[in-house]
């Protein structure tokens, strides 16, 4: 079972980053996305290649990606629960 301390330490990241998926769906490359967001091409390329949420994702970054890709934050971020963690329902 993964503890909250392990999540905080970055040993398990239950939030999947889907920037590459949205870029592919919209047929947009990192250079065009960089122009639309005002980010440097290297920054967009780095973010595109991440599979988990960037550890220092700022709200302005998320806003610019959502605006450029015409999407919602939930389209970029998906929570993946740990299958080994059994959470009992509260009564």
PDB file of N, CA and C in Angstrom:
ATOM      1  N   UNK A   1       0.842  -1.174   0.000  1.00  0.00           N
ATOM      2  CA  UNK A   1       0.000   0.000   0.000  1.00  0.00           C
ATOM      3  C   UNK A   1       0.891   1.241   0.000  1.00  0.00           C
ATOM      4  N   UNK A   2       0.532   2.218  -0.812  1.00  0.00           N
ATOM      5  CA  UNK A   2       1.302   3.449  -0.941  1.00  0.00           C
ATOM      6  C   UNK A   2       0.803   4.449   0.090  1.00  0.00           C
ATOM      7  N   UNK A   3       1.703   4.956   0.903  1.00  0.00           N
ATOM      8  CA  UNK A   3       1.305   5.924   1.926  1.00  0.00           C
ATOM      9  C   UNK A   3       1.278   7.329   1.334  1.00  0.00           C
ATOM     10  N   UNK A   4       0.610   8.238   2.030  1.00  0.00           N
ATOM     11  CA  UNK A   4       0.559   9.626   1.555  1.00  0.00           C
ATOM     12  C   UNK A   4       1.948  10.250   1.573  1.00  0.00           C
ATOM     13  N   UNK A   5       2.829   9.805   2.482  1.00  0.00           N
ATOM     14  CA  UNK A   5       4.203  10.301   2.501  1.00  0.00           C
ATOM     15  C   UNK A   5       4.942   9.908   1.228  1.00  0.00           C
ATOM     16  N   UNK A   6       4.709   8.684   0.747  1.00  0.00           N
ATOM     17  CA  UNK A   6       5.361   8.247  -0.478  1.00  0.00           C
ATOM     18  C   UNK A   6       4.865   9.052  -1.670  1.00  0.00           C
ATOM     19  N   UNK A   7       3.593   9.391  -1.690  1.00  0.00           N
ATOM     20  CA  UNK A   7       3.050  10.226  -2.766  1.00  0.00           C
ATOM     21  C   UNK A   7       3.696  11.599  -2.703  1.00  0.00           C
ATOM     22  N   UNK A   8       3.772  12.182  -1.504  1.00  0.00           N
ATOM     23  CA  UNK A   8       4.372  13.499  -1.339  1.00  0.00           C
ATOM     24  C   UNK A   8       5.847  13.495  -1.715  1.00  0.00           C
ATOM     25  N   UNK A   9       6.537  12.388  -1.495  1.00  0.00           N
ATOM     26  CA  UNK A   9       7.954  12.292  -1.828  1.00  0.00           C
ATOM     27  C   UNK A   9       8.164  12.018  -3.310  1.00  0.00           C
ATOM     28  N   UNK A  10       7.086  11.827  -4.062  1.00  0.00           N
ATOM     29  CA  UNK A  10       7.207  11.616  -5.492  1.00  0.00           C
ATOM     30  C   UNK A  10       7.463  10.178  -5.892  1.00  0.00           C
ATOM     31  N   UNK A  11       7.292   9.227  -4.969  1.00  0.00           N
ATOM     32  CA  UNK A  11       7.539   7.830  -5.298  1.00  0.00           C
ATOM     33  C   UNK A  11       6.385   7.238  -6.111  1.00  0.00           C
ATOM     34  N   UNK A  12       5.242   7.827  -6.015  1.00  0.00           N
ATOM     35  CA  UNK A  12       4.079   7.391  -6.781  1.00  0.00           C
ATOM     36  C   UNK A  12       3.270   8.627  -7.133  1.00  0.00           C
ATOM     37  N   UNK A  13       2.985   8.797  -8.395  1.00  0.00           N
ATOM     38  CA  UNK A  13       2.199   9.954  -8.804  1.00  0.00           C
ATOM     39  C   UNK A  13       0.909   9.463  -9.425  1.00  0.00           C
ATOM     40  N   UNK A  14      -0.195   9.578  -8.710  1.00  0.00           N
ATOM     41  CA  UNK A  14      -1.460   9.050  -9.207  1.00  0.00           C
ATOM     42  C   UNK A  14      -2.165   9.958 -10.212  1.00  0.00           C
ATOM     43  N   UNK A  15      -1.500  10.994 -10.679  1.00  0.00           N
ATOM     44  CA  UNK A  15      -2.132  11.895 -11.634  1.00  0.00           C
ATOM     45  C   UNK A  15      -1.377  11.824 -12.958  1.00  0.00           C
ATOM     46  N   UNK A  16      -2.064  11.339 -13.975  1.00  0.00           N
ATOM     47  CA  UNK A  16      -1.477  11.180 -15.298  1.00  0.00           C
ATOM     48  C   UNK A  16      -1.597  12.493 -16.070  1.00  0.00           C
ATOM     49  N   UNK A  17      -0.547  12.871 -16.756  1.00  0.00           N
ATOM     50  CA  UNK A  17      -0.458  14.098 -17.550  1.00  0.00           C
ATOM     51  C   UNK A  17      -0.700  13.728 -19.006  1.00  0.00           C
ATOM     52  N   UNK A  18      -1.715  14.299 -19.638  1.00  0.00           N
ATOM     53  CA  UNK A  18      -2.150  13.880 -20.966  1.00  0.00           C
ATOM     54  C   UNK A  18      -1.920  14.933 -22.051  1.00  0.00           C
ATOM     55  N   UNK A  19      -0.921  15.790 -21.887  1.00  0.00           N
ATOM     56  CA  UNK A  19      -0.665  16.832 -22.874  1.00  0.00           C
ATOM     57  C   UNK A  19      -0.372  16.231 -24.250  1.00  0.00           C
ATOM     58  N   UNK A  20       0.460  15.203 -24.304  1.00  0.00           N
ATOM     59  CA  UNK A  20       0.812  14.592 -25.596  1.00  0.00           C
ATOM     60  C   UNK A  20      -0.426  14.030 -26.293  1.00  0.00           C
ATOM     61  N   UNK A  21      -1.351  13.462 -25.526  1.00  0.00           N
ATOM     62  CA  UNK A  21      -2.576  12.890 -26.092  1.00  0.00           C
ATOM     63  C   UNK A  21      -3.432  13.991 -26.714  1.00  0.00           C
ATOM     64  N   UNK A  22      -3.605  15.092 -25.988  1.00  0.00           N
ATOM     65  CA  UNK A  22      -4.418  16.186 -26.511  1.00  0.00           C
ATOM     66  C   UNK A  22      -3.766  16.830 -27.735  1.00  0.00           C
ATOM     67  N   UNK A  23      -2.459  16.963 -27.704  1.00  0.00           N
ATOM     68  CA  UNK A  23      -1.762  17.519 -28.861  1.00  0.00           C
ATOM     69  C   UNK A  23      -1.964  16.625 -30.083  1.00  0.00           C
ATOM     70  N   UNK A  24      -1.871  15.327 -29.907  1.00  0.00           N
ATOM     71  CA  UNK A  24      -2.067  14.392 -31.017  1.00  0.00           C
ATOM     72  C   UNK A  24      -3.503  14.454 -31.521  1.00  0.00           C
ATOM     73  N   UNK A  25      -4.474  14.500 -30.610  1.00  0.00           N
ATOM     74  CA  UNK A  25      -5.879  14.582 -30.992  1.00  0.00           C
ATOM     75  C   UNK A  25      -6.173  15.831 -31.819  1.00  0.00           C
ATOM     76  N   UNK A  26      -5.494  16.917 -31.495  1.00  0.00           N
ATOM     77  CA  UNK A  26      -5.745  18.181 -32.167  1.00  0.00           C
ATOM     78  C   UNK A  26      -4.760  18.443 -33.314  1.00  0.00           C
ATOM     79  N   UNK A  27      -3.885  17.471 -33.536  1.00  0.00           N
ATOM     80  CA  UNK A  27      -2.879  17.555 -34.605  1.00  0.00           C
ATOM     81  C   UNK A  27      -2.084  18.860 -34.532  1.00  0.00           C
ATOM     82  N   UNK A  28      -1.554  19.108 -33.345  1.00  0.00           N
ATOM     83  CA  UNK A  28      -0.762  20.303 -33.103  1.00  0.00           C
ATOM     84  C   UNK A  28       0.612  19.870 -32.596  1.00  0.00           C
ATOM     85  N   UNK A  29       1.671  20.488 -33.122  1.00  0.00           N
ATOM     86  CA  UNK A  29       3.010  20.121 -32.667  1.00  0.00           C
ATOM     87  C   UNK A  29       3.487  21.103 -31.593  1.00  0.00           C
ATOM     88  N   UNK A  30       4.628  20.789 -31.006  1.00  0.00           N
ATOM     89  CA  UNK A  30       5.110  21.591 -29.881  1.00  0.00           C
ATOM     90  C   UNK A  30       5.459  23.016 -30.295  1.00  0.00           C
ATOM     91  N   UNK A  31       5.887  23.213 -31.539  1.00  0.00           N
ATOM     92  CA  UNK A  31       6.219  24.567 -31.990  1.00  0.00           C
ATOM     93  C   UNK A  31       4.971  25.443 -32.080  1.00  0.00           C
ATOM     94  N   UNK A  32       3.903  24.881 -32.627  1.00  0.00           N
ATOM     95  CA  UNK A  32       2.654  25.634 -32.733  1.00  0.00           C
ATOM     96  C   UNK A  32       2.068  25.904 -31.349  1.00  0.00           C
ATOM     97  N   UNK A  33       2.125  24.905 -30.463  1.00  0.00           N
ATOM     98  CA  UNK A  33       1.615  25.097 -29.112  1.00  0.00           C
ATOM     99  C   UNK A  33       2.434  26.146 -28.362  1.00  0.00           C
ATOM    100  N   UNK A  34       3.719  26.181 -28.613  1.00  0.00           N
ATOM    101  CA  UNK A  34       4.572  27.199 -27.993  1.00  0.00           C
ATOM    102  C   UNK A  34       4.142  28.594 -28.447  1.00  0.00           C
ATOM    103  N   UNK A  35       3.825  28.749 -29.714  1.00  0.00           N
ATOM    104  CA  UNK A  35       3.367  30.043 -30.219  1.00  0.00           C
ATOM    105  C   UNK A  35       2.031  30.443 -29.586  1.00  0.00           C
ATOM    106  N   UNK A  36       1.127  29.473 -29.455  1.00  0.00           N
ATOM    107  CA  UNK A  36      -0.201  29.757 -28.897  1.00  0.00           C
ATOM    108  C   UNK A  36      -0.157  30.099 -27.410  1.00  0.00           C
ATOM    109  N   UNK A  37       0.773  29.493 -26.687  1.00  0.00           N
ATOM    110  CA  UNK A  37       0.839  29.695 -25.235  1.00  0.00           C
ATOM    111  C   UNK A  37       1.824  30.774 -24.818  1.00  0.00           C
ATOM    112  N   UNK A  38       2.800  31.045 -25.655  1.00  0.00           N
ATOM    113  CA  UNK A  38       3.853  31.986 -25.273  1.00  0.00           C
ATOM    114  C   UNK A  38       4.988  31.320 -24.522  1.00  0.00           C
ATOM    115  N   UNK A  39       4.930  29.992 -24.379  1.00  0.00           N
ATOM    116  CA  UNK A  39       6.004  29.250 -23.737  1.00  0.00           C
ATOM    117  C   UNK A  39       7.140  29.020 -24.719  1.00  0.00           C
ATOM    118  N   UNK A  40       8.315  28.776 -24.194  1.00  0.00           N
ATOM    119  CA  UNK A  40       9.457  28.420 -25.023  1.00  0.00           C
ATOM    120  C   UNK A  40       9.221  27.025 -25.600  1.00  0.00           C
ATOM    121  N   UNK A  41       9.695  26.794 -26.812  1.00  0.00           N
ATOM    122  CA  UNK A  41       9.518  25.488 -27.461  1.00  0.00           C
ATOM    123  C   UNK A  41      10.075  24.346 -26.623  1.00  0.00           C
ATOM    124  N   UNK A  42      11.210  24.564 -25.956  1.00  0.00           N
ATOM    125  CA  UNK A  42      11.800  23.517 -25.119  1.00  0.00           C
ATOM    126  C   UNK A  42      10.902  23.187 -23.925  1.00  0.00           C
ATOM    127  N   UNK A  43      10.235  24.187 -23.382  1.00  0.00           N
ATOM    128  CA  UNK A  43       9.330  23.959 -22.258  1.00  0.00           C
ATOM    129  C   UNK A  43       8.155  23.095 -22.690  1.00  0.00           C
ATOM    130  N   UNK A  44       7.559  23.437 -23.829  1.00  0.00           N
ATOM    131  CA  UNK A  44       6.426  22.662 -24.331  1.00  0.00           C
ATOM    132  C   UNK A  44       6.858  21.239 -24.662  1.00  0.00           C
ATOM    133  N   UNK A  45       8.017  21.097 -25.285  1.00  0.00           N
ATOM    134  CA  UNK A  45       8.527  19.770 -25.620  1.00  0.00           C
ATOM    135  C   UNK A  45       8.747  18.940 -24.360  1.00  0.00           C
ATOM    136  N   UNK A  46       9.299  19.559 -23.341  1.00  0.00           N
ATOM    137  CA  UNK A  46       9.534  18.864 -22.066  1.00  0.00           C
ATOM    138  C   UNK A  46       8.206  18.437 -21.444  1.00  0.00           C
ATOM    139  N   UNK A  47       7.242  19.343 -21.404  1.00  0.00           N
ATOM    140  CA  UNK A  47       5.927  19.017 -20.849  1.00  0.00           C
ATOM    141  C   UNK A  47       5.233  17.933 -21.662  1.00  0.00           C
ATOM    142  N   UNK A  48       5.391  17.981 -22.971  1.00  0.00           N
ATOM    143  CA  UNK A  48       4.752  16.989 -23.844  1.00  0.00           C
ATOM    144  C   UNK A  48       5.256  15.581 -23.535  1.00  0.00           C
ATOM    145  N   UNK A  49       6.511  15.445 -23.233  1.00  0.00           N
ATOM    146  CA  UNK A  49       7.119  14.139 -23.019  1.00  0.00           C
ATOM    147  C   UNK A  49       6.932  13.590 -21.610  1.00  0.00           C
ATOM    148  N   UNK A  50       6.315  14.350 -20.735  1.00  0.00           N
ATOM    149  CA  UNK A  50       6.044  13.869 -19.374  1.00  0.00           C
ATOM    150  C   UNK A  50       4.818  12.970 -19.384  1.00  0.00           C
ATOM    151  N   UNK A  51       4.846  11.936 -18.572  1.00  0.00           N
ATOM    152  CA  UNK A  51       3.703  11.018 -18.469  1.00  0.00           C
ATOM    153  C   UNK A  51       2.925  11.214 -17.169  1.00  0.00           C
ATOM    154  N   UNK A  52       3.566  11.884 -16.207  1.00  0.00           N
ATOM    155  CA  UNK A  52       2.887  12.217 -14.963  1.00  0.00           C
ATOM    156  C   UNK A  52       2.841  13.736 -14.844  1.00  0.00           C
ATOM    157  N   UNK A  53       1.949  14.208 -14.015  1.00  0.00           N
ATOM    158  CA  UNK A  53       1.773  15.645 -13.839  1.00  0.00           C
ATOM    159  C   UNK A  53       3.094  16.305 -13.436  1.00  0.00           C
ATOM    160  N   UNK A  54       3.451  17.417 -14.082  1.00  0.00           N
ATOM    161  CA  UNK A  54       4.668  18.124 -13.663  1.00  0.00           C
ATOM    162  C   UNK A  54       4.591  18.477 -12.178  1.00  0.00           C
ATOM    163  N   UNK A  55       5.680  18.304 -11.481  1.00  0.00           N
ATOM    164  CA  UNK A  55       5.676  18.511 -10.026  1.00  0.00           C
ATOM    165  C   UNK A  55       5.430  19.964  -9.643  1.00  0.00           C
ATOM    166  N   UNK A  56       5.746  20.877 -10.531  1.00  0.00           N
ATOM    167  CA  UNK A  56       5.549  22.294 -10.225  1.00  0.00           C
ATOM    168  C   UNK A  56       4.630  22.931 -11.270  1.00  0.00           C
ATOM    169  N   UNK A  57       3.473  22.380 -11.428  1.00  0.00           N
ATOM    170  CA  UNK A  57       2.508  22.873 -12.404  1.00  0.00           C
ATOM    171  C   UNK A  57       1.771  24.079 -11.826  1.00  0.00           C
ATOM    172  N   UNK A  58       1.965  25.230 -12.442  1.00  0.00           N
ATOM    173  CA  UNK A  58       1.325  26.453 -11.970  1.00  0.00           C
ATOM    174  C   UNK A  58      -0.031  26.620 -12.634  1.00  0.00           C
ATOM    175  N   UNK A  59      -0.915  27.328 -11.962  1.00  0.00           N
ATOM    176  CA  UNK A  59      -2.252  27.542 -12.524  1.00  0.00           C
ATOM    177  C   UNK A  59      -2.205  28.308 -13.833  1.00  0.00           C
ATOM    178  N   UNK A  60      -1.254  29.223 -13.988  1.00  0.00           N
ATOM    179  CA  UNK A  60      -1.159  29.969 -15.246  1.00  0.00           C
ATOM    180  C   UNK A  60      -0.730  29.062 -16.402  1.00  0.00           C
ATOM    181  N   UNK A  61       0.110  28.085 -16.113  1.00  0.00           N
ATOM    182  CA  UNK A  61       0.534  27.126 -17.134  1.00  0.00           C
ATOM    183  C   UNK A  61      -0.654  26.288 -17.577  1.00  0.00           C
ATOM    184  N   UNK A  62      -1.390  25.772 -16.624  1.00  0.00           N
ATOM    185  CA  UNK A  62      -2.570  24.978 -16.929  1.00  0.00           C
ATOM    186  C   UNK A  62      -3.589  25.807 -17.710  1.00  0.00           C
ATOM    187  N   UNK A  63      -3.781  27.048 -17.310  1.00  0.00           N
ATOM    188  CA  UNK A  63      -4.710  27.955 -17.996  1.00  0.00           C
ATOM    189  C   UNK A  63      -4.314  28.146 -19.460  1.00  0.00           C
ATOM    190  N   UNK A  64      -3.037  28.408 -19.697  1.00  0.00           N
ATOM    191  CA  UNK A  64      -2.578  28.647 -21.077  1.00  0.00           C
ATOM    192  C   UNK A  64      -2.735  27.408 -21.951  1.00  0.00           C
ATOM    193  N   UNK A  65      -2.439  26.233 -21.402  1.00  0.00           N
ATOM    194  CA  UNK A  65      -2.626  25.005 -22.176  1.00  0.00           C
ATOM    195  C   UNK A  65      -4.105  24.776 -22.472  1.00  0.00           C
ATOM    196  N   UNK A  66      -4.956  24.986 -21.484  1.00  0.00           N
ATOM    197  CA  UNK A  66      -6.389  24.792 -21.692  1.00  0.00           C
ATOM    198  C   UNK A  66      -6.936  25.777 -22.728  1.00  0.00           C
ATOM    199  N   UNK A  67      -6.489  27.002 -22.659  1.00  0.00           N
ATOM    200  CA  UNK A  67      -6.935  28.014 -23.604  1.00  0.00           C
ATOM    201  C   UNK A  67      -6.481  27.669 -25.028  1.00  0.00           C
ATOM    202  N   UNK A  68      -5.231  27.295 -25.182  1.00  0.00           N
ATOM    203  CA  UNK A  68      -4.677  26.990 -26.506  1.00  0.00           C
ATOM    204  C   UNK A  68      -5.278  25.721 -27.105  1.00  0.00           C
ATOM    205  N   UNK A  69      -5.521  24.716 -26.255  1.00  0.00           N
ATOM    206  CA  UNK A  69      -6.026  23.438 -26.740  1.00  0.00           C
ATOM    207  C   UNK A  69      -7.554  23.340 -26.672  1.00  0.00           C
ATOM    208  N   UNK A  70      -8.188  24.411 -26.172  1.00  0.00           N
ATOM    209  CA  UNK A  70      -9.652  24.443 -26.029  1.00  0.00           C
ATOM    210  C   UNK A  70     -10.148  23.204 -25.281  1.00  0.00           C
ATOM    211  N   UNK A  71      -9.628  23.065 -24.068  1.00  0.00           N
ATOM    212  CA  UNK A  71      -9.966  21.902 -23.256  1.00  0.00           C
ATOM    213  C   UNK A  71     -10.185  22.316 -21.813  1.00  0.00           C
ATOM    214  N   UNK A  72     -10.554  21.367 -20.997  1.00  0.00           N
ATOM    215  CA  UNK A  72     -10.741  21.561 -19.558  1.00  0.00           C
ATOM    216  C   UNK A  72      -9.530  20.972 -18.828  1.00  0.00           C
ATOM    217  N   UNK A  73      -9.222  21.453 -17.608  1.00  0.00           N
ATOM    218  CA  UNK A  73      -8.099  20.885 -16.846  1.00  0.00           C
ATOM    219  C   UNK A  73      -8.201  19.366 -16.698  1.00  0.00           C
ATOM    220  N   UNK A  74      -9.409  18.857 -16.557  1.00  0.00           N
ATOM    221  CA  UNK A  74      -9.612  17.416 -16.428  1.00  0.00           C
ATOM    222  C   UNK A  74      -9.260  16.644 -17.678  1.00  0.00           C
ATOM    223  N   UNK A  75      -9.151  17.328 -18.807  1.00  0.00           N
ATOM    224  CA  UNK A  75      -8.705  16.667 -20.035  1.00  0.00           C
ATOM    225  C   UNK A  75      -7.190  16.439 -19.998  1.00  0.00           C
ATOM    226  N   UNK A  76      -6.481  17.317 -19.292  1.00  0.00           N
ATOM    227  CA  UNK A  76      -5.024  17.221 -19.192  1.00  0.00           C
ATOM    228  C   UNK A  76      -4.558  16.381 -18.009  1.00  0.00           C
ATOM    229  N   UNK A  77      -5.361  16.367 -16.948  1.00  0.00           N
ATOM    230  CA  UNK A  77      -4.991  15.675 -15.714  1.00  0.00           C
ATOM    231  C   UNK A  77      -6.007  14.587 -15.407  1.00  0.00           C
ATOM    232  N   UNK A  78      -5.533  13.373 -15.222  1.00  0.00           N
ATOM    233  CA  UNK A  78      -6.422  12.257 -14.904  1.00  0.00           C
ATOM    234  C   UNK A  78      -5.896  11.548 -13.666  1.00  0.00           C
ATOM    235  N   UNK A  79      -6.763  11.398 -12.657  1.00  0.00           N
ATOM    236  CA  UNK A  79      -6.395  10.712 -11.424  1.00  0.00           C
ATOM    237  C   UNK A  79      -6.432   9.208 -11.653  1.00  0.00           C
ATOM    238  N   UNK A  80      -5.340   8.535 -11.329  1.00  0.00           N
ATOM    239  CA  UNK A  80      -5.232   7.078 -11.443  1.00  0.00           C
ATOM    240  C   UNK A  80      -5.053   6.526 -10.035  1.00  0.00           C
ATOM    241  N   UNK A  81      -6.112   5.953  -9.447  1.00  0.00           N
ATOM    242  CA  UNK A  81      -5.969   5.427  -8.084  1.00  0.00           C
ATOM    243  C   UNK A  81      -5.040   4.218  -8.045  1.00  0.00           C
ATOM    244  N   UNK A  82      -4.373   4.055  -6.922  1.00  0.00           N
ATOM    245  CA  UNK A  82      -3.489   2.915  -6.714  1.00  0.00           C
ATOM    246  C   UNK A  82      -4.356   1.672  -6.524  1.00  0.00           C
ATOM    247  N   UNK A  83      -4.233   0.666  -7.398  1.00  0.00           N
ATOM    248  CA  UNK A  83      -5.087  -0.522  -7.289  1.00  0.00           C
ATOM    249  C   UNK A  83      -4.826  -1.333  -6.025  1.00  0.00           C
ATOM    250  N   UNK A  84      -3.655  -1.168  -5.421  1.00  0.00           N
ATOM    251  CA  UNK A  84      -3.333  -1.901  -4.202  1.00  0.00           C
ATOM    252  C   UNK A  84      -3.885  -1.231  -2.950  1.00  0.00           C
ATOM    253  N   UNK A  85      -4.290   0.001  -3.091  1.00  0.00           N
ATOM    254  CA  UNK A  85      -4.793   0.745  -1.936  1.00  0.00           C
ATOM    255  C   UNK A  85      -6.291   0.488  -1.803  1.00  0.00           C
ATOM    256  N   UNK A  86      -6.678  -0.094  -0.714  1.00  0.00           N
ATOM    257  CA  UNK A  86      -8.079  -0.362  -0.441  1.00  0.00           C
ATOM    258  C   UNK A  86      -8.649   0.726   0.432  1.00  0.00           C
ATOM    259  N   UNK A  87      -9.520   1.505  -0.145  1.00  0.00           N
ATOM    260  CA  UNK A  87     -10.150   2.572   0.613  1.00  0.00           C
ATOM    261  C   UNK A  87     -11.553   2.102   0.976  1.00  0.00           C
ATOM    262  N   UNK A  88     -11.800   2.027   2.276  1.00  0.00           N
ATOM    263  CA  UNK A  88     -13.112   1.585   2.741  1.00  0.00           C
ATOM    264  C   UNK A  88     -14.071   2.756   2.725  1.00  0.00           C
ATOM    265  N   UNK A  89     -15.284   2.542   2.248  1.00  0.00           N
ATOM    266  CA  UNK A  89     -16.266   3.626   2.226  1.00  0.00           C
ATOM    267  C   UNK A  89     -16.608   4.083   3.635  1.00  0.00           C
ATOM    268  N   UNK A  90     -16.823   5.375   3.758  1.00  0.00           N
ATOM    269  CA  UNK A  90     -17.206   5.927   5.054  1.00  0.00           C
ATOM    270  C   UNK A  90     -18.698   5.761   5.225  1.00  0.00           C
ATOM    271  N   UNK A  91     -19.117   5.509   6.448  1.00  0.00           N
ATOM    272  CA  UNK A  91     -20.553   5.346   6.691  1.00  0.00           C
ATOM    273  C   UNK A  91     -21.140   6.558   7.369  1.00  0.00           C
TER     274      UNK A  91
END
